[in-house]
């Protein structure tokens, strides 16, 4: 039960953290980008949001993994 709560908070924290980054990316998109990374990733890199985005994606993924493991038990 304790791991489920920890996983839930990690997942929720990742979602709450990545949402403003994606909203910023949607509203402040750049005009020129290269096709392989795409417009969204190029905007995140151009605005300097790459470090928080990576941290929140790791948190979101870790929470999902913990919740998935606890669900299988």
Foldseek 3Di string as FASTA:
>chain_A
DVLLVQLVVLQVQLVVQVVVLQVCCVVDWDDDDDPPVDGSVVSCVVVVNVVSNVVSVVSNVSSVVSNVVVVVD
